[in-house]
Amino acid sequence: MNASHPARRTTSHQALVRTLLDRHGQTYAAEAGIRLRDTPQPLYQLLVVADLLSARIRASVAVAAARALFGAGLRTPRRMADAPWQRRVDALGEGGYRRYDESTATRLGDGARLLLDRYGGDLRRMREAADGDLGALRGALQELPGVGPAGSGIFVREIQGVWPEFAPYLDAKALQGAQRLGLPDDPGALARLVRPEETAALASALVRAALERSVAEEVGERAMR
């Protein structure tokens, strides 16, 4: 049996994926301190994380800024909308999100108000309206100020474990990480390497491999031991 045999490749891929999950398989929502479940507050917090991560800024800074916002009590659309603009700016600055703090503070307030007006502050209503249609969900998300294609993709990538009708979802950045690791660049093939409840964690880990070459190198070395 040579190294190109499908069974050997599958075993190698599974070893890589298991090492990747063991070392870097924390979702960005979990890193931001969110206990993600299908209730309004954590869903909104995930939306905030997705918005912050979509900017041209380090993921660690975006996560720190989200934690600072939540630590300042801005955990729901109502609290975000009602908070003074300067309070949002200060929280973002505390998290190190200074490059975009003023524009982001405005956007978060506007987005929270629109979410309250259109969905009563409950993203589950957006899910119901999408009725399992990924394009409809992403389109609805992108109607919120500042949530573009990148932000909507991040939201879906993280929520797929809670809203399984949108799984498996591995976006272009996750597939870039898969390619760097020598894994299949097909979402279905990647999803088959993990349990369904691990798909979101796999997606986040693959994104980390795409963002930092050292992650891919470390995982490759450890998987070979």
N, C-alpha and C. Protein backbone atom coordinates (compact mmCIF):
# COMPACT_ATOMS: atom_id res chain seq x y z
N MET A 1 0.86 -1.20 0.00
CA MET A 1 0.00 0.00 0.00
C MET A 1 0.89 1.24 0.00
N ASN A 2 0.72 2.15 -1.00
CA ASN A 2 1.56 3.33 -1.03
C ASN A 2 0.90 4.50 -0.33
N ALA A 3 1.66 5.56 -0.20
CA ALA A 3 1.19 6.70 0.61
C ALA A 3 0.01 7.41 -0.02
N SER A 4 -0.25 7.17 -1.31
CA SER A 4 -1.35 7.87 -1.97
C SER A 4 -2.67 7.12 -1.85
N HIS A 5 -2.66 5.94 -1.24
CA HIS A 5 -3.88 5.15 -1.10
C HIS A 5 -4.91 5.94 -0.29
N PRO A 6 -6.21 5.90 -0.70
CA PRO A 6 -7.24 6.68 0.00
C PRO A 6 -7.31 6.41 1.49
N ALA A 7 -7.17 5.15 1.89
CA ALA A 7 -7.25 4.83 3.32
C ALA A 7 -6.12 5.48 4.09
N ARG A 8 -4.91 5.50 3.52
CA ARG A 8 -3.77 6.14 4.18
C ARG A 8 -3.98 7.65 4.27
N ARG A 9 -4.50 8.22 3.17
CA ARG A 9 -4.73 9.67 3.18
C ARG A 9 -5.76 10.04 4.24
N THR A 10 -6.83 9.23 4.34
CA THR A 10 -7.87 9.52 5.33
C THR A 10 -7.32 9.46 6.74
N THR A 11 -6.51 8.45 7.03
CA THR A 11 -5.91 8.32 8.36
C THR A 11 -5.02 9.52 8.66
N SER A 12 -4.24 9.94 7.67
CA SER A 12 -3.36 11.10 7.85
C SER A 12 -4.17 12.36 8.09
N HIS A 13 -5.25 12.52 7.33
CA HIS A 13 -6.09 13.69 7.50
C HIS A 13 -6.75 13.71 8.87
N GLN A 14 -7.20 12.56 9.32
CA GLN A 14 -7.83 12.49 10.64
C GLN A 14 -6.84 12.84 11.75
N ALA A 15 -5.60 12.41 11.61
CA ALA A 15 -4.58 12.74 12.60
C ALA A 15 -4.31 14.24 12.62
N LEU A 16 -4.24 14.83 11.45
CA LEU A 16 -4.03 16.27 11.36
C LEU A 16 -5.18 17.04 12.00
N VAL A 17 -6.41 16.64 11.66
CA VAL A 17 -7.59 17.34 12.17
C VAL A 17 -7.70 17.19 13.68
N ARG A 18 -7.41 15.99 14.18
CA ARG A 18 -7.52 15.79 15.63
C ARG A 18 -6.48 16.63 16.36
N THR A 19 -5.28 16.70 15.82
CA THR A 19 -4.24 17.54 16.43
C THR A 19 -4.64 19.02 16.35
N LEU A 20 -5.17 19.40 15.21
CA LEU A 20 -5.60 20.79 15.04
C LEU A 20 -6.68 21.17 16.05
N LEU A 21 -7.65 20.29 16.24
CA LEU A 21 -8.72 20.57 17.21
C LEU A 21 -8.19 20.59 18.64
N ASP A 22 -7.29 19.66 18.94
CA ASP A 22 -6.74 19.61 20.30
C ASP A 22 -5.96 20.88 20.64
N ARG A 23 -5.26 21.42 19.65
CA ARG A 23 -4.40 22.58 19.89
C ARG A 23 -5.10 23.92 19.67
N HIS A 24 -6.01 23.98 18.70
CA HIS A 24 -6.57 25.28 18.30
C HIS A 24 -8.08 25.24 18.05
N GLY A 25 -8.75 24.25 18.61
CA GLY A 25 -10.16 24.07 18.31
C GLY A 25 -11.13 24.81 19.20
N GLN A 26 -10.81 26.04 19.53
CA GLN A 26 -11.73 26.88 20.29
C GLN A 26 -12.40 27.86 19.33
N THR A 27 -13.71 27.93 19.35
CA THR A 27 -14.38 28.90 18.49
C THR A 27 -14.04 30.31 18.98
N TYR A 28 -14.21 31.27 18.09
CA TYR A 28 -13.97 32.66 18.48
C TYR A 28 -15.03 33.12 19.48
N ALA A 29 -16.23 32.59 19.37
CA ALA A 29 -17.27 32.92 20.35
C ALA A 29 -16.83 32.49 21.75
N ALA A 30 -16.33 31.26 21.86
CA ALA A 30 -15.88 30.77 23.16
C ALA A 30 -14.70 31.59 23.67
N GLU A 31 -13.80 31.97 22.76
CA GLU A 31 -12.66 32.79 23.16
C GLU A 31 -13.11 34.14 23.71
N ALA A 32 -14.23 34.63 23.19
CA ALA A 32 -14.78 35.91 23.66
C ALA A 32 -15.62 35.76 24.92
N GLY A 33 -15.70 34.52 25.45
CA GLY A 33 -16.44 34.29 26.68
C GLY A 33 -17.92 34.04 26.50
N ILE A 34 -18.33 33.71 25.27
CA ILE A 34 -19.75 33.48 24.98
C ILE A 34 -20.08 32.01 25.12
N ARG A 35 -21.09 31.69 25.90
CA ARG A 35 -21.61 30.33 25.97
C ARG A 35 -22.73 30.26 24.94
N LEU A 36 -22.36 29.86 23.75
CA LEU A 36 -23.27 29.98 22.61
C LEU A 36 -24.42 28.98 22.69
N ARG A 37 -25.64 29.50 22.61
CA ARG A 37 -26.84 28.69 22.57
C ARG A 37 -27.92 29.50 21.86
N ASP A 38 -29.05 28.87 21.61
CA ASP A 38 -30.09 29.49 20.80
C ASP A 38 -31.01 30.36 21.65
N THR A 39 -30.43 31.39 22.25
CA THR A 39 -31.19 32.38 23.00
C THR A 39 -30.69 33.77 22.58
N PRO A 40 -31.52 34.80 22.76
CA PRO A 40 -31.19 36.11 22.18
C PRO A 40 -29.85 36.71 22.58
N GLN A 41 -29.48 36.65 23.86
CA GLN A 41 -28.27 37.35 24.29
C GLN A 41 -27.00 36.77 23.68
N PRO A 42 -26.73 35.47 23.78
CA PRO A 42 -25.50 34.96 23.16
C PRO A 42 -25.49 35.08 21.65
N LEU A 43 -26.66 34.98 21.02
CA LEU A 43 -26.71 35.16 19.57
C LEU A 43 -26.30 36.58 19.19
N TYR A 44 -26.76 37.55 19.95
CA TYR A 44 -26.37 38.93 19.68
C TYR A 44 -24.89 39.13 19.95
N GLN A 45 -24.39 38.55 21.02
CA GLN A 45 -22.96 38.68 21.32
C GLN A 45 -22.12 38.10 20.19
N LEU A 46 -22.56 36.99 19.62
CA LEU A 46 -21.84 36.43 18.48
C LEU A 46 -21.85 37.39 17.30
N LEU A 47 -22.97 38.05 17.07
CA LEU A 47 -23.05 39.03 15.99
C LEU A 47 -22.02 40.14 16.20
N VAL A 48 -21.87 40.60 17.42
CA VAL A 48 -20.88 41.63 17.73
C VAL A 48 -19.47 41.12 17.44
N VAL A 49 -19.18 39.88 17.85
CA VAL A 49 -17.87 39.30 17.59
C VAL A 49 -17.62 39.21 16.09
N ALA A 50 -18.62 38.75 15.34
CA ALA A 50 -18.47 38.62 13.89
C ALA A 50 -18.22 39.98 13.24
N ASP A 51 -18.91 40.99 13.70
CA ASP A 51 -18.71 42.36 13.20
C ASP A 51 -17.27 42.80 13.45
N LEU A 52 -16.79 42.64 14.67
CA LEU A 52 -15.45 43.09 15.02
C LEU A 52 -14.37 42.30 14.29
N LEU A 53 -14.58 41.00 14.13
CA LEU A 53 -13.59 40.16 13.45
C LEU A 53 -13.47 40.47 11.97
N SER A 54 -14.52 41.03 11.40
CA SER A 54 -14.53 41.25 9.95
C SER A 54 -13.69 42.46 9.52
N ALA A 55 -13.26 43.28 10.47
CA ALA A 55 -12.42 44.44 10.14
C ALA A 55 -10.98 43.98 9.92
N ARG A 56 -10.19 44.85 9.30
CA ARG A 56 -8.77 44.54 9.05
C ARG A 56 -7.97 44.79 10.33
N ILE A 57 -8.13 43.87 11.25
CA ILE A 57 -7.49 44.00 12.55
C ILE A 57 -7.22 42.59 13.07
N ARG A 58 -6.25 42.44 13.92
CA ARG A 58 -5.91 41.11 14.43
C ARG A 58 -7.09 40.49 15.17
N ALA A 59 -7.27 39.18 14.96
CA ALA A 59 -8.39 38.49 15.59
C ALA A 59 -8.32 38.61 17.11
N SER A 60 -7.12 38.56 17.67
CA SER A 60 -6.98 38.65 19.13
C SER A 60 -7.47 40.00 19.65
N VAL A 61 -7.26 41.06 18.88
CA VAL A 61 -7.73 42.39 19.27
C VAL A 61 -9.25 42.45 19.17
N ALA A 62 -9.81 41.89 18.12
CA ALA A 62 -11.26 41.88 17.97
C ALA A 62 -11.93 41.14 19.12
N VAL A 63 -11.36 40.01 19.50
CA VAL A 63 -11.92 39.23 20.61
C VAL A 63 -11.79 40.00 21.92
N ALA A 64 -10.66 40.63 22.15
CA ALA A 64 -10.47 41.43 23.37
C ALA A 64 -11.45 42.59 23.42
N ALA A 65 -11.71 43.20 22.28
CA ALA A 65 -12.67 44.31 22.24
C ALA A 65 -14.07 43.82 22.55
N ALA A 66 -14.44 42.66 22.03
CA ALA A 66 -15.75 42.10 22.33
C ALA A 66 -15.89 41.83 23.83
N ARG A 67 -14.86 41.26 24.42
CA ARG A 67 -14.90 40.98 25.86
C ARG A 67 -15.04 42.29 26.66
N ALA A 68 -14.37 43.34 26.19
CA ALA A 68 -14.46 44.63 26.88
C ALA A 68 -15.87 45.20 26.76
N LEU A 69 -16.48 45.10 25.60
CA LEU A 69 -17.86 45.57 25.42
C LEU A 69 -18.81 44.81 26.34
N PHE A 70 -18.66 43.49 26.38
CA PHE A 70 -19.55 42.69 27.23
C PHE A 70 -19.27 43.00 28.71
N GLY A 71 -18.00 43.21 29.04
CA GLY A 71 -17.66 43.56 30.41
C GLY A 71 -18.22 44.89 30.85
N ALA A 72 -18.46 45.77 29.87
CA ALA A 72 -19.07 47.08 30.16
C ALA A 72 -20.59 46.99 30.21
N GLY A 73 -21.12 45.77 30.11
CA GLY A 73 -22.56 45.57 30.21
C GLY A 73 -23.30 45.63 28.89
N LEU A 74 -22.57 45.75 27.78
CA LEU A 74 -23.23 45.90 26.47
C LEU A 74 -23.41 44.53 25.84
N ARG A 75 -24.29 43.75 26.45
CA ARG A 75 -24.45 42.36 26.04
C ARG A 75 -25.73 42.11 25.24
N THR A 76 -26.59 43.08 25.14
CA THR A 76 -27.85 42.91 24.41
C THR A 76 -28.04 44.08 23.45
N PRO A 77 -28.89 43.92 22.44
CA PRO A 77 -29.14 45.05 21.52
C PRO A 77 -29.68 46.28 22.24
N ARG A 78 -30.53 46.09 23.23
CA ARG A 78 -31.10 47.23 23.96
C ARG A 78 -30.03 47.99 24.71
N ARG A 79 -29.15 47.25 25.40
CA ARG A 79 -28.09 47.93 26.15
C ARG A 79 -27.09 48.60 25.22
N MET A 80 -26.81 47.96 24.08
CA MET A 80 -25.89 48.57 23.12
C MET A 80 -26.49 49.84 22.53
N ALA A 81 -27.77 49.78 22.18
CA ALA A 81 -28.43 50.93 21.57
C ALA A 81 -28.57 52.09 22.55
N ASP A 82 -28.85 51.78 23.81
CA ASP A 82 -29.10 52.82 24.81
C ASP A 82 -27.81 53.40 25.40
N ALA A 83 -26.70 52.71 25.24
CA ALA A 83 -25.44 53.19 25.83
C ALA A 83 -24.98 54.46 25.13
N PRO A 84 -24.43 55.40 25.85
CA PRO A 84 -23.84 56.58 25.21
C PRO A 84 -22.74 56.18 24.24
N TRP A 85 -22.62 56.90 23.17
CA TRP A 85 -21.60 56.61 22.15
C TRP A 85 -20.21 56.52 22.77
N GLN A 86 -19.89 57.45 23.68
CA GLN A 86 -18.57 57.47 24.29
C GLN A 86 -18.30 56.21 25.10
N ARG A 87 -19.34 55.65 25.69
CA ARG A 87 -19.16 54.41 26.46
C ARG A 87 -18.74 53.27 25.54
N ARG A 88 -19.32 53.23 24.36
CA ARG A 88 -18.93 52.21 23.40
C ARG A 88 -17.50 52.45 22.92
N VAL A 89 -17.17 53.70 22.65
CA VAL A 89 -15.80 54.04 22.23
C VAL A 89 -14.80 53.62 23.30
N ASP A 90 -15.09 53.94 24.54
CA ASP A 90 -14.16 53.63 25.63
C ASP A 90 -13.96 52.13 25.78
N ALA A 91 -15.03 51.37 25.66
CA ALA A 91 -14.92 49.91 25.79
C ALA A 91 -14.08 49.34 24.65
N LEU A 92 -14.31 49.82 23.44
CA LEU A 92 -13.51 49.34 22.30
C LEU A 92 -12.04 49.69 22.49
N GLY A 93 -11.78 50.90 22.99
CA GLY A 93 -10.40 51.30 23.24
C GLY A 93 -9.74 50.46 24.30
N GLU A 94 -10.50 50.10 25.32
CA GLU A 94 -9.97 49.24 26.39
C GLU A 94 -9.53 47.90 25.83
N GLY A 95 -10.26 47.42 24.82
CA GLY A 95 -9.92 46.14 24.20
C GLY A 95 -8.83 46.25 23.15
N GLY A 96 -8.33 47.47 22.92
CA GLY A 96 -7.27 47.66 21.94
C GLY A 96 -7.75 47.93 20.53
N TYR A 97 -9.07 48.10 20.38
CA TYR A 97 -9.67 48.28 19.05
C TYR A 97 -9.70 49.77 18.71
N ARG A 98 -8.53 50.40 18.70
CA ARG A 98 -8.49 51.86 18.62
C ARG A 98 -8.54 52.40 17.20
N ARG A 99 -8.08 51.64 16.26
CA ARG A 99 -8.02 52.15 14.89
C ARG A 99 -9.40 52.48 14.34
N TYR A 100 -10.39 51.66 14.73
CA TYR A 100 -11.74 51.84 14.20
C TYR A 100 -12.75 52.14 15.31
N ASP A 101 -12.28 52.62 16.47
CA ASP A 101 -13.18 52.67 17.62
C ASP A 101 -14.38 53.60 17.42
N GLU A 102 -14.17 54.80 16.85
CA GLU A 102 -15.27 55.75 16.74
C GLU A 102 -16.31 55.31 15.71
N SER A 103 -15.85 54.89 14.53
CA SER A 103 -16.80 54.44 13.51
C SER A 103 -17.50 53.16 13.94
N THR A 104 -16.77 52.26 14.62
CA THR A 104 -17.37 51.02 15.07
C THR A 104 -18.39 51.27 16.17
N ALA A 105 -18.11 52.21 17.06
CA ALA A 105 -19.07 52.55 18.11
C ALA A 105 -20.38 53.04 17.51
N THR A 106 -20.29 53.86 16.48
CA THR A 106 -21.48 54.35 15.80
C THR A 106 -22.22 53.19 15.14
N ARG A 107 -21.49 52.34 14.44
CA ARG A 107 -22.08 51.23 13.71
C ARG A 107 -22.78 50.24 14.65
N LEU A 108 -22.15 49.94 15.79
CA LEU A 108 -22.76 49.02 16.73
C LEU A 108 -24.07 49.57 17.28
N GLY A 109 -24.11 50.86 17.54
CA GLY A 109 -25.34 51.47 18.01
C GLY A 109 -26.43 51.43 16.95
N ASP A 110 -26.08 51.78 15.72
CA ASP A 110 -27.05 51.77 14.63
C ASP A 110 -27.55 50.35 14.35
N GLY A 111 -26.63 49.39 14.37
CA GLY A 111 -27.01 48.00 14.12
C GLY A 111 -27.94 47.46 15.19
N ALA A 112 -27.66 47.79 16.44
CA ALA A 112 -28.51 47.33 17.54
C ALA A 112 -29.91 47.91 17.41
N ARG A 113 -30.01 49.18 17.04
CA ARG A 113 -31.33 49.79 16.87
C ARG A 113 -32.11 49.15 15.73
N LEU A 114 -31.43 48.86 14.62
CA LEU A 114 -32.10 48.22 13.50
C LEU A 114 -32.55 46.81 13.88
N LEU A 115 -31.71 46.10 14.61
CA LEU A 115 -32.06 44.76 15.05
C LEU A 115 -33.29 44.79 15.96
N LEU A 116 -33.36 45.78 16.83
CA LEU A 116 -34.52 45.93 17.70
C LEU A 116 -35.77 46.25 16.90
N ASP A 117 -35.65 47.16 15.95
CA ASP A 117 -36.82 47.59 15.17
C ASP A 117 -37.35 46.48 14.27
N ARG A 118 -36.42 45.73 13.65
CA ARG A 118 -36.84 44.76 12.64
C ARG A 118 -37.12 43.38 13.21
N TYR A 119 -36.37 42.99 14.25
CA TYR A 119 -36.50 41.62 14.78
C TYR A 119 -36.77 41.59 16.28
N GLY A 120 -37.10 42.72 16.85
CA GLY A 120 -37.33 42.74 18.29
C GLY A 120 -36.08 42.38 19.08
N GLY A 121 -34.91 42.58 18.46
CA GLY A 121 -33.64 42.26 19.14
C GLY A 121 -33.34 40.77 19.20
N ASP A 122 -34.09 39.95 18.48
CA ASP A 122 -33.96 38.49 18.60
C ASP A 122 -33.57 37.91 17.24
N LEU A 123 -32.33 37.46 17.13
CA LEU A 123 -31.85 36.90 15.88
C LEU A 123 -32.52 35.59 15.50
N ARG A 124 -33.22 34.97 16.43
CA ARG A 124 -33.97 33.77 16.09
C ARG A 124 -35.07 34.08 15.09
N ARG A 125 -35.58 35.28 15.12
CA ARG A 125 -36.60 35.69 14.15
C ARG A 125 -35.99 35.80 12.75
N MET A 126 -34.74 36.21 12.68
CA MET A 126 -34.05 36.24 11.41
C MET A 126 -33.86 34.81 10.89
N ARG A 127 -33.53 33.91 11.79
CA ARG A 127 -33.38 32.50 11.41
C ARG A 127 -34.69 31.96 10.86
N GLU A 128 -35.78 32.25 11.54
CA GLU A 128 -37.09 31.78 11.09
C GLU A 128 -37.42 32.32 9.70
N ALA A 129 -37.13 33.59 9.49
CA ALA A 129 -37.42 34.20 8.20
C ALA A 129 -36.58 33.58 7.09
N ALA A 130 -35.34 33.20 7.40
CA ALA A 130 -34.46 32.60 6.40
C ALA A 130 -34.93 31.19 6.02
N ASP A 131 -35.56 30.49 6.95
CA ASP A 131 -36.15 29.18 6.69
C ASP A 131 -35.15 28.20 6.07
N GLY A 132 -33.95 28.18 6.62
CA GLY A 132 -32.95 27.23 6.16
C GLY A 132 -32.18 27.64 4.93
N ASP A 133 -32.45 28.80 4.38
CA ASP A 133 -31.79 29.29 3.16
C ASP A 133 -30.56 30.09 3.57
N LEU A 134 -29.38 29.56 3.29
CA LEU A 134 -28.14 30.22 3.68
C LEU A 134 -28.02 31.60 3.06
N GLY A 135 -28.35 31.72 1.79
CA GLY A 135 -28.27 33.02 1.12
C GLY A 135 -29.20 34.04 1.75
N ALA A 136 -30.39 33.60 2.15
CA ALA A 136 -31.34 34.51 2.78
C ALA A 136 -30.83 34.98 4.14
N LEU A 137 -30.24 34.05 4.90
CA LEU A 137 -29.71 34.42 6.22
C LEU A 137 -28.57 35.41 6.06
N ARG A 138 -27.63 35.12 5.17
CA ARG A 138 -26.50 36.02 5.00
C ARG A 138 -26.96 37.38 4.47
N GLY A 139 -27.94 37.37 3.60
CA GLY A 139 -28.46 38.64 3.09
C GLY A 139 -29.09 39.47 4.18
N ALA A 140 -29.85 38.82 5.08
CA ALA A 140 -30.48 39.54 6.18
C ALA A 140 -29.42 40.09 7.14
N LEU A 141 -28.40 39.30 7.42
CA LEU A 141 -27.32 39.78 8.29
C LEU A 141 -26.65 41.01 7.69
N GLN A 142 -26.46 41.00 6.37
CA GLN A 142 -25.75 42.08 5.71
C GLN A 142 -26.58 43.36 5.58
N GLU A 143 -27.84 43.29 5.95
CA GLU A 143 -28.65 44.50 6.01
C GLU A 143 -28.36 45.31 7.28
N LEU A 144 -27.68 44.67 8.23
CA LEU A 144 -27.30 45.37 9.46
C LEU A 144 -26.05 46.20 9.19
N PRO A 145 -25.97 47.42 9.71
CA PRO A 145 -24.82 48.29 9.45
C PRO A 145 -23.50 47.62 9.80
N GLY A 146 -22.58 47.60 8.83
CA GLY A 146 -21.24 47.10 9.08
C GLY A 146 -21.06 45.61 8.92
N VAL A 147 -22.15 44.87 8.77
CA VAL A 147 -22.03 43.42 8.61
C VAL A 147 -22.05 43.11 7.11
N GLY A 148 -20.88 43.01 6.54
CA GLY A 148 -20.76 42.70 5.12
C GLY A 148 -20.62 41.21 4.89
N PRO A 149 -20.18 40.82 3.70
CA PRO A 149 -19.99 39.39 3.41
C PRO A 149 -19.07 38.68 4.40
N ALA A 150 -17.98 39.34 4.80
CA ALA A 150 -17.06 38.70 5.75
C ALA A 150 -17.73 38.48 7.10
N GLY A 151 -18.41 39.49 7.60
CA GLY A 151 -19.06 39.38 8.90
C GLY A 151 -20.17 38.35 8.92
N SER A 152 -20.98 38.32 7.85
CA SER A 152 -22.06 37.33 7.79
C SER A 152 -21.49 35.92 7.71
N GLY A 153 -20.38 35.76 6.98
CA GLY A 153 -19.75 34.46 6.89
C GLY A 153 -19.21 33.99 8.23
N ILE A 154 -18.59 34.90 8.97
CA ILE A 154 -18.07 34.55 10.29
C ILE A 154 -19.21 34.12 11.21
N PHE A 155 -20.32 34.86 11.16
CA PHE A 155 -21.47 34.51 12.01
C PHE A 155 -21.95 33.10 11.70
N VAL A 156 -22.14 32.79 10.41
CA VAL A 156 -22.62 31.45 10.04
C VAL A 156 -21.61 30.39 10.43
N ARG A 157 -20.34 30.68 10.21
CA ARG A 157 -19.29 29.73 10.55
C ARG A 157 -19.35 29.33 12.02
N GLU A 158 -19.65 30.30 12.88
CA GLU A 158 -19.66 30.04 14.32
C GLU A 158 -21.00 29.46 14.79
N ILE A 159 -22.10 29.80 14.13
CA ILE A 159 -23.42 29.42 14.63
C ILE A 159 -23.86 28.05 14.13
N GLN A 160 -23.11 27.45 13.21
CA GLN A 160 -23.58 26.21 12.59
C GLN A 160 -23.80 25.08 13.57
N GLY A 161 -23.13 25.10 14.71
CA GLY A 161 -23.35 24.06 15.70
C GLY A 161 -24.67 24.22 16.43
N VAL A 162 -25.21 25.44 16.43
CA VAL A 162 -26.47 25.74 17.10
C VAL A 162 -27.62 25.76 16.10
N TRP A 163 -27.34 26.21 14.89
CA TRP A 163 -28.32 26.22 13.80
C TRP A 163 -27.83 25.22 12.74
N PRO A 164 -28.04 23.93 12.96
CA PRO A 164 -27.42 22.90 12.11
C PRO A 164 -27.90 22.89 10.66
N GLU A 165 -29.00 23.56 10.37
CA GLU A 165 -29.46 23.58 8.99
C GLU A 165 -28.49 24.31 8.06
N PHE A 166 -27.55 25.08 8.64
CA PHE A 166 -26.58 25.80 7.83
C PHE A 166 -25.21 25.11 7.80
N ALA A 167 -25.14 23.92 8.36
CA ALA A 167 -23.88 23.15 8.39
C ALA A 167 -23.86 22.12 7.26
N PRO A 168 -22.67 21.73 6.78
CA PRO A 168 -21.37 22.30 7.18
C PRO A 168 -21.08 23.59 6.42
N TYR A 169 -20.55 24.57 7.15
CA TYR A 169 -20.19 25.83 6.54
C TYR A 169 -18.72 26.13 6.83
N LEU A 170 -17.91 26.05 5.82
CA LEU A 170 -16.50 26.40 5.94
C LEU A 170 -16.21 27.41 4.83
N ASP A 171 -15.93 28.63 5.23
CA ASP A 171 -15.78 29.71 4.26
C ASP A 171 -14.40 29.68 3.60
N ALA A 172 -14.16 30.67 2.74
CA ALA A 172 -12.92 30.69 1.97
C ALA A 172 -11.68 30.73 2.87
N LYS A 173 -11.76 31.46 3.97
CA LYS A 173 -10.60 31.54 4.88
C LYS A 173 -10.33 30.19 5.54
N ALA A 174 -11.38 29.47 5.93
CA ALA A 174 -11.20 28.14 6.52
C ALA A 174 -10.62 27.18 5.48
N LEU A 175 -11.09 27.26 4.26
CA LEU A 175 -10.57 26.38 3.21
C LEU A 175 -9.13 26.72 2.88
N GLN A 176 -8.76 27.98 3.03
CA GLN A 176 -7.36 28.37 2.85
C GLN A 176 -6.48 27.68 3.89
N GLY A 177 -6.99 27.63 5.12
CA GLY A 177 -6.25 26.93 6.17
C GLY A 177 -6.14 25.44 5.90
N ALA A 178 -7.20 24.87 5.36
CA ALA A 178 -7.17 23.45 5.01
C ALA A 178 -6.11 23.17 3.96
N GLN A 179 -6.03 24.02 2.96
CA GLN A 179 -5.03 23.85 1.92
C GLN A 179 -3.62 23.95 2.50
N ARG A 180 -3.42 24.88 3.41
CA ARG A 180 -2.10 25.04 4.02
C ARG A 180 -1.68 23.78 4.78
N LEU A 181 -2.65 23.08 5.35
CA LEU A 181 -2.38 21.87 6.12
C LEU A 181 -2.34 20.62 5.24
N GLY A 182 -2.66 20.76 3.96
CA GLY A 182 -2.71 19.60 3.10
C GLY A 182 -3.98 18.79 3.26
N LEU A 183 -5.04 19.42 3.78
CA LEU A 183 -6.33 18.76 3.95
C LEU A 183 -7.20 19.01 2.72
N PRO A 184 -8.29 18.25 2.57
CA PRO A 184 -9.21 18.51 1.46
C PRO A 184 -9.74 19.93 1.52
N ASP A 185 -9.96 20.54 0.35
CA ASP A 185 -10.51 21.90 0.34
C ASP A 185 -11.99 21.89 -0.02
N ASP A 186 -12.64 20.77 0.29
CA ASP A 186 -14.09 20.61 0.07
C ASP A 186 -14.79 20.59 1.43
N PRO A 187 -15.78 21.47 1.66
CA PRO A 187 -16.44 21.52 2.97
C PRO A 187 -17.01 20.19 3.42
N GLY A 188 -17.65 19.46 2.49
CA GLY A 188 -18.24 18.19 2.87
C GLY A 188 -17.20 17.18 3.31
N ALA A 189 -16.09 17.11 2.57
CA ALA A 189 -15.02 16.17 2.91
C ALA A 189 -14.40 16.52 4.26
N LEU A 190 -14.22 17.81 4.52
CA LEU A 190 -13.66 18.23 5.81
C LEU A 190 -14.62 17.89 6.95
N ALA A 191 -15.90 18.16 6.74
CA ALA A 191 -16.89 17.91 7.79
C ALA A 191 -16.95 16.43 8.16
N ARG A 192 -16.70 15.56 7.20
CA ARG A 192 -16.75 14.12 7.48
C ARG A 192 -15.58 13.66 8.36
N LEU A 193 -14.59 14.51 8.54
CA LEU A 193 -13.45 14.14 9.38
C LEU A 193 -13.70 14.40 10.87
N VAL A 194 -14.83 15.04 11.20
CA VAL A 194 -15.13 15.37 12.59
C VAL A 194 -16.58 15.02 12.90
N ARG A 195 -16.92 15.03 14.18
CA ARG A 195 -18.31 14.86 14.58
C ARG A 195 -19.08 16.14 14.23
N PRO A 196 -20.38 16.03 13.94
CA PRO A 196 -21.15 17.23 13.55
C PRO A 196 -21.01 18.39 14.52
N GLU A 197 -20.96 18.09 15.80
CA GLU A 197 -20.87 19.16 16.79
C GLU A 197 -19.50 19.81 16.84
N GLU A 198 -18.54 19.27 16.12
CA GLU A 198 -17.19 19.83 16.09
C GLU A 198 -16.92 20.70 14.86
N THR A 199 -17.89 20.81 13.97
CA THR A 199 -17.63 21.51 12.70
C THR A 199 -17.28 22.97 12.91
N ALA A 200 -17.99 23.65 13.82
CA ALA A 200 -17.69 25.07 14.06
C ALA A 200 -16.28 25.23 14.62
N ALA A 201 -15.89 24.35 15.54
CA ALA A 201 -14.54 24.41 16.11
C ALA A 201 -13.50 24.13 15.03
N LEU A 202 -13.78 23.18 14.15
CA LEU A 202 -12.86 22.89 13.05
C LEU A 202 -12.71 24.12 12.17
N ALA A 203 -13.82 24.78 11.86
CA ALA A 203 -13.75 25.97 11.01
C ALA A 203 -12.88 27.05 11.64
N SER A 204 -13.06 27.29 12.93
CA SER A 204 -12.25 28.31 13.61
C SER A 204 -10.77 27.92 13.62
N ALA A 205 -10.49 26.65 13.86
CA ALA A 205 -9.10 26.19 13.88
C ALA A 205 -8.45 26.33 12.51
N LEU A 206 -9.21 26.04 11.47
CA LEU A 206 -8.67 26.18 10.11
C LEU A 206 -8.40 27.65 9.79
N VAL A 207 -9.25 28.53 10.26
CA VAL A 207 -9.02 29.95 10.06
C VAL A 207 -7.73 30.38 10.74
N ARG A 208 -7.49 29.88 11.94
CA ARG A 208 -6.23 30.21 12.63
C ARG A 208 -5.03 29.71 11.84
N ALA A 209 -5.16 28.54 11.22
CA ALA A 209 -4.07 28.02 10.40
C ALA A 209 -3.85 28.90 9.17
N ALA A 210 -4.94 29.48 8.65
CA ALA A 210 -4.82 30.37 7.50
C ALA A 210 -4.18 31.70 7.90
N LEU A 211 -4.51 32.18 9.07
CA LEU A 211 -4.01 33.48 9.51
C LEU A 211 -2.56 33.42 10.00
N GLU A 212 -2.16 32.27 10.55
CA GLU A 212 -0.81 32.16 11.11
C GLU A 212 -0.14 30.88 10.61
N ARG A 213 0.87 31.04 9.79
CA ARG A 213 1.56 29.89 9.23
C ARG A 213 2.15 28.99 10.33
N SER A 214 2.52 29.61 11.46
CA SER A 214 3.11 28.83 12.54
C SER A 214 2.13 27.80 13.10
N VAL A 215 0.83 28.09 13.03
CA VAL A 215 -0.18 27.13 13.50
C VAL A 215 -0.13 25.87 12.64
N ALA A 216 -0.11 26.06 11.33
CA ALA A 216 -0.07 24.92 10.42
C ALA A 216 1.22 24.12 10.61
N GLU A 217 2.33 24.82 10.78
CA GLU A 217 3.60 24.12 10.95
C GLU A 217 3.61 23.31 12.23
N GLU A 218 3.12 23.91 13.32
CA GLU A 218 3.09 23.21 14.61
C GLU A 218 2.20 21.98 14.54
N VAL A 219 1.01 22.12 13.94
CA VAL A 219 0.07 21.00 13.85
C VAL A 219 0.65 19.89 13.00
N GLY A 220 1.27 20.24 11.89
CA GLY A 220 1.87 19.24 11.03
C GLY A 220 2.95 18.45 11.75
N GLU A 221 3.79 19.16 12.50
CA GLU A 221 4.88 18.48 13.23
C GLU A 221 4.33 17.55 14.31
N ARG A 222 3.34 18.01 15.07
CA ARG A 222 2.79 17.20 16.14
C ARG A 222 2.03 15.99 15.62
N ALA A 223 1.34 16.15 14.50
CA ALA A 223 0.57 15.04 13.93
C ALA A 223 1.47 13.92 13.44
N MET A 224 2.70 14.25 13.11
CA MET A 224 3.62 13.25 12.59
C MET A 224 4.31 12.45 13.70
N ARG A 225 4.18 12.88 14.94
CA ARG A 225 4.88 12.20 16.04
C ARG A 225 4.23 10.84 16.35
